[in-house]
Amino acid sequence: MEDLKDVYFSPLPDSPYVKPFRLNYTQNGAAKSWDLLQVHDSVAIIVFNVSRKVMVFVKQFRPAIYYNCVSVEDRKQNSIDTKKYPASLGIALEMCAGIVDKNMPLDQIAREEVLEECGYNVQIKDLERVMSYRSGVGVQGSLQTLYYCEVTDDMKTEQGGGVDDEIIEVVEKTIPEIDAMLASSGPLNSPPSCLFALMWFLANKAPKYRK
């Protein structure tokens, strides 16, 4: 995951994932515009292993985080010095998640993501819908739907780690380790949705497992 090299910038071609555009509108009589990104909606899943009382996270390299760790001056260069900026700067700890790019019910997509990324074979009935909310409200406003599921060691398969060219590492944390993570002043390489999911878990599910 941290074997990173040949980092450079290039123009954005037509992308199936991100489409930039400008929205023009009139508000209170004033003409305005805002630059936006059209992206897919997504699902995220809180996965808690009740056999060992650990939260199941995924860890992966996120280019957007990496880019924002590079100084403004060094971004002007044609390529990035990976000795000065190692891949570890861009590795994020997140909930299991995936984009909605299939014509399928959201809970079915969530089930597939848990299997592909974390390796647990959950059933639709095992998934509890928490809520849907907007993410990236400054430039995208896409809808993410959050689920919760409890798994056991018996549900673990040989799958996990992502599909195709994904490089995903499964990471487990105990409830005290989650407490410590949220007590940190950061910065944390985790998205707000992950931190919200952890706080929801601590408020709604963790109390019975602290005993």
Protein backbone atom coordinates (compact mmCIF):
# COMPACT_ATOMS: atom_id res chain seq x y z
CA MET A 1 0.00 0.00 0.00
CA GLU A 2 2.86 2.40 0.74
CA ASP A 3 4.88 1.52 -2.37
CA LEU A 4 4.27 4.85 -4.10
CA LYS A 5 6.21 6.33 -7.02
CA ASP A 6 5.82 8.23 -10.31
CA VAL A 7 3.39 10.78 -8.81
CA TYR A 8 2.56 13.58 -11.26
CA PHE A 9 -0.35 15.74 -12.37
CA SER A 10 -2.31 15.64 -15.64
CA PRO A 11 -5.47 17.24 -17.08
CA LEU A 12 -8.77 15.57 -16.16
CA PRO A 13 -10.22 13.56 -19.08
CA ASP A 14 -13.87 12.60 -19.30
CA SER A 15 -14.39 10.71 -16.03
CA PRO A 16 -17.13 8.22 -15.05
CA TYR A 17 -16.71 9.27 -11.39
CA VAL A 18 -16.28 13.05 -11.29
CA LYS A 19 -17.85 15.61 -13.60
CA PRO A 20 -17.01 19.28 -12.87
CA PHE A 21 -19.44 21.96 -13.99
CA ARG A 22 -20.66 25.47 -13.09
CA LEU A 23 -24.14 26.19 -11.76
CA ASN A 24 -25.46 29.65 -12.57
CA TYR A 25 -28.41 31.13 -10.71
CA THR A 26 -30.06 34.32 -9.49
CA GLN A 27 -30.60 34.73 -5.74
CA ASN A 28 -32.32 37.75 -4.21
CA GLY A 29 -31.93 39.53 -7.54
CA ALA A 30 -28.17 38.94 -7.78
CA ALA A 31 -26.59 36.78 -10.48
CA LYS A 32 -24.33 34.14 -8.97
CA SER A 33 -22.40 31.02 -9.94
CA TRP A 34 -20.86 28.08 -8.10
CA ASP A 35 -18.45 25.41 -9.29
CA LEU A 36 -19.66 21.89 -8.53
CA LEU A 37 -18.76 18.22 -8.94
CA GLN A 38 -21.26 15.62 -10.04
CA VAL A 39 -20.41 12.38 -8.22
CA HIS A 40 -22.13 9.12 -7.30
CA ASP A 41 -24.16 8.70 -4.13
CA SER A 42 -22.70 6.17 -1.70
CA VAL A 43 -23.27 3.78 1.18
CA ALA A 44 -21.19 3.34 4.33
CA ILE A 45 -21.40 0.53 6.83
CA ILE A 46 -20.44 0.39 10.51
CA VAL A 47 -19.18 -3.17 10.98
CA PHE A 48 -18.80 -4.40 14.57
CA ASN A 49 -17.44 -7.87 15.33
CA VAL A 50 -19.30 -9.08 18.43
CA SER A 51 -17.13 -12.20 18.75
CA ARG A 52 -14.15 -10.11 19.84
CA LYS A 53 -15.85 -6.74 20.46
CA VAL A 54 -13.88 -4.86 17.81
CA MET A 55 -14.84 -2.31 15.20
CA VAL A 56 -13.88 -3.26 11.65
CA PHE A 57 -12.31 -0.43 9.64
CA VAL A 58 -10.77 -0.26 6.20
CA LYS A 59 -7.48 1.47 5.50
CA GLN A 60 -6.56 2.67 2.04
CA PHE A 61 -4.56 5.28 0.17
CA ARG A 62 -6.60 8.40 -0.66
CA PRO A 63 -5.01 10.63 -3.33
CA ALA A 64 -7.07 13.66 -2.24
CA ILE A 65 -5.63 13.49 1.28
CA TYR A 66 -2.14 12.93 -0.10
CA TYR A 67 -2.43 15.93 -2.43
CA ASN A 68 -3.47 18.21 0.43
CA CYS A 69 -0.39 17.17 2.41
CA VAL A 70 1.83 18.50 -0.39
CA SER A 71 2.84 22.13 0.02
CA VAL A 72 1.38 24.69 -2.36
CA GLU A 73 4.86 25.41 -3.68
CA ASP A 74 5.66 21.76 -4.39
CA ARG A 75 2.32 21.30 -6.17
CA LYS A 76 3.69 23.62 -8.86
CA GLN A 77 6.28 21.01 -9.80
CA ASN A 78 5.65 18.52 -12.59
CA SER A 79 6.05 15.58 -10.20
CA ILE A 80 6.00 14.94 -6.46
CA ASP A 81 9.04 13.78 -4.49
CA THR A 82 7.75 10.66 -2.71
CA LYS A 83 10.73 10.66 -0.35
CA LYS A 84 9.67 14.05 0.92
CA TYR A 85 6.00 13.09 0.75
CA PRO A 86 5.65 9.36 1.54
CA ALA A 87 2.46 7.45 0.80
CA SER A 88 1.69 7.19 4.53
CA LEU A 89 0.53 10.83 4.43
CA GLY A 90 -2.43 9.81 2.28
CA ILE A 91 -3.57 6.64 4.04
CA ALA A 92 -7.03 6.97 5.58
CA LEU A 93 -8.90 4.98 8.21
CA GLU A 94 -12.57 4.72 7.26
CA MET A 95 -15.79 2.82 7.53
CA CYS A 96 -16.48 0.19 4.88
CA ALA A 97 -18.10 2.12 2.02
CA GLY A 98 -18.76 2.21 -1.70
CA ILE A 99 -20.38 4.24 -4.44
CA VAL A 100 -23.87 3.58 -5.76
CA ASP A 101 -23.09 2.71 -9.37
CA LYS A 102 -25.42 -0.26 -9.80
CA ASN A 103 -29.17 -0.46 -10.32
CA MET A 104 -29.67 -2.31 -7.02
CA PRO A 105 -31.28 -1.61 -3.63
CA LEU A 106 -28.94 0.27 -1.32
CA ASP A 107 -28.92 -2.49 1.29
CA GLN A 108 -27.81 -4.99 -1.35
CA ILE A 109 -24.95 -2.69 -2.38
CA ALA A 110 -24.01 -2.32 1.30
CA ARG A 111 -24.00 -6.11 1.73
CA GLU A 112 -21.65 -6.50 -1.25
CA GLU A 113 -19.28 -3.84 0.09
CA VAL A 114 -18.99 -5.59 3.47
CA LEU A 115 -18.10 -8.83 1.69
CA GLU A 116 -15.69 -7.30 -0.83
CA GLU A 117 -13.86 -4.96 1.53
CA CYS A 118 -14.07 -6.66 4.93
CA GLY A 119 -14.73 -10.29 4.01
CA TYR A 120 -17.85 -10.81 6.12
CA ASN A 121 -20.85 -12.55 4.56
CA VAL A 122 -23.78 -10.63 6.03
CA GLN A 123 -27.43 -10.95 5.04
CA ILE A 124 -29.77 -8.10 4.20
CA LYS A 125 -31.61 -8.70 7.49
CA ASP A 126 -28.33 -8.10 9.35
CA LEU A 127 -28.15 -4.50 8.09
CA GLU A 128 -29.73 -1.75 10.17
CA ARG A 129 -30.26 1.52 8.32
CA VAL A 130 -29.04 4.43 10.44
CA MET A 131 -29.73 7.48 8.26
CA SER A 132 -28.95 9.27 5.01
CA TYR A 133 -27.12 12.60 4.88
CA ARG A 134 -25.37 14.91 2.45
CA SER A 135 -21.61 14.86 2.07
CA GLY A 136 -19.21 17.35 0.51
CA VAL A 137 -21.86 20.09 0.66
CA GLY A 138 -19.44 22.73 -0.65
CA VAL A 139 -18.95 21.16 -4.07
CA GLN A 140 -20.93 17.94 -4.44
CA GLY A 141 -23.82 17.44 -1.97
CA SER A 142 -24.08 13.72 -2.75
CA LEU A 143 -26.23 11.44 -0.61
CA GLN A 144 -24.63 8.83 1.63
CA THR A 145 -26.68 6.19 3.43
CA LEU A 146 -25.21 4.75 6.62
CA TYR A 147 -25.87 1.20 7.85
CA TYR A 148 -24.88 -0.76 10.95
CA CYS A 149 -24.26 -4.48 11.16
CA GLU A 150 -22.93 -6.89 13.73
CA VAL A 151 -20.75 -9.76 12.53
CA THR A 152 -19.09 -12.79 14.09
CA ASP A 153 -15.88 -14.60 13.34
CA ASP A 154 -17.97 -17.43 11.86
CA MET A 155 -19.18 -15.05 9.13
CA LYS A 156 -15.63 -14.35 7.90
CA THR A 157 -14.77 -15.58 4.41
CA GLU A 158 -11.62 -15.66 2.30
CA GLN A 159 -12.76 -12.48 0.56
CA GLY A 160 -11.96 -8.94 1.63
CA GLY A 161 -9.33 -6.42 0.72
CA GLY A 162 -11.28 -4.96 -2.18
CA VAL A 163 -11.80 -6.02 -5.78
CA ASP A 164 -9.94 -5.44 -9.06
CA ASP A 165 -7.03 -3.07 -8.40
CA GLU A 166 -8.20 -1.88 -4.99
CA ILE A 167 -5.67 -2.14 -2.15
CA ILE A 168 -7.59 -2.25 1.13
CA GLU A 169 -6.35 -3.35 4.54
CA VAL A 170 -8.83 -4.41 7.22
CA VAL A 171 -8.08 -2.86 10.62
CA GLU A 172 -9.75 -3.67 13.95
CA LYS A 173 -10.05 -1.40 16.99
CA THR A 174 -11.47 -2.04 20.44
CA ILE A 175 -14.01 0.31 22.00
CA PRO A 176 -11.33 1.89 24.26
CA GLU A 177 -9.20 2.48 21.18
CA ILE A 178 -12.15 4.19 19.49
CA ASP A 179 -12.60 6.36 22.59
CA ALA A 180 -8.96 7.39 22.39
CA MET A 181 -9.22 8.08 18.66
CA LEU A 182 -12.15 10.44 19.15
CA ALA A 183 -10.46 12.13 22.10
CA SER A 184 -7.51 13.04 19.90
CA SER A 185 -7.09 16.63 18.77
CA GLY A 186 -6.04 15.35 15.35
CA PRO A 187 -5.53 15.83 12.58
CA LEU A 188 -7.08 12.46 11.76
CA ASN A 189 -6.95 10.93 8.30
CA SER A 190 -10.62 9.97 8.55
CA PRO A 191 -13.63 11.60 6.89
CA PRO A 192 -16.34 13.34 8.97
CA SER A 193 -18.80 10.57 8.07
CA CYS A 194 -16.52 8.02 9.76
CA LEU A 195 -16.24 10.11 12.91
CA PHE A 196 -20.01 10.60 12.97
CA ALA A 197 -20.49 6.84 12.55
CA LEU A 198 -18.20 6.15 15.50
CA MET A 199 -20.00 8.66 17.72
CA TRP A 200 -23.35 7.12 16.74
CA PHE A 201 -21.99 3.69 17.62
CA LEU A 202 -20.64 4.83 20.99
CA ALA A 203 -23.98 6.44 21.87
CA ASN A 204 -26.31 3.71 20.60
CA LYS A 205 -24.54 0.34 20.53
CA ALA A 206 -21.34 0.39 22.55
CA PRO A 207 -22.81 0.62 26.10
CA LYS A 208 -23.89 -3.04 26.17
CA TYR A 209 -20.45 -4.16 24.95
CA ARG A 210 -18.45 -2.17 27.52
CA LYS A 211 -19.40 -4.62 30.27
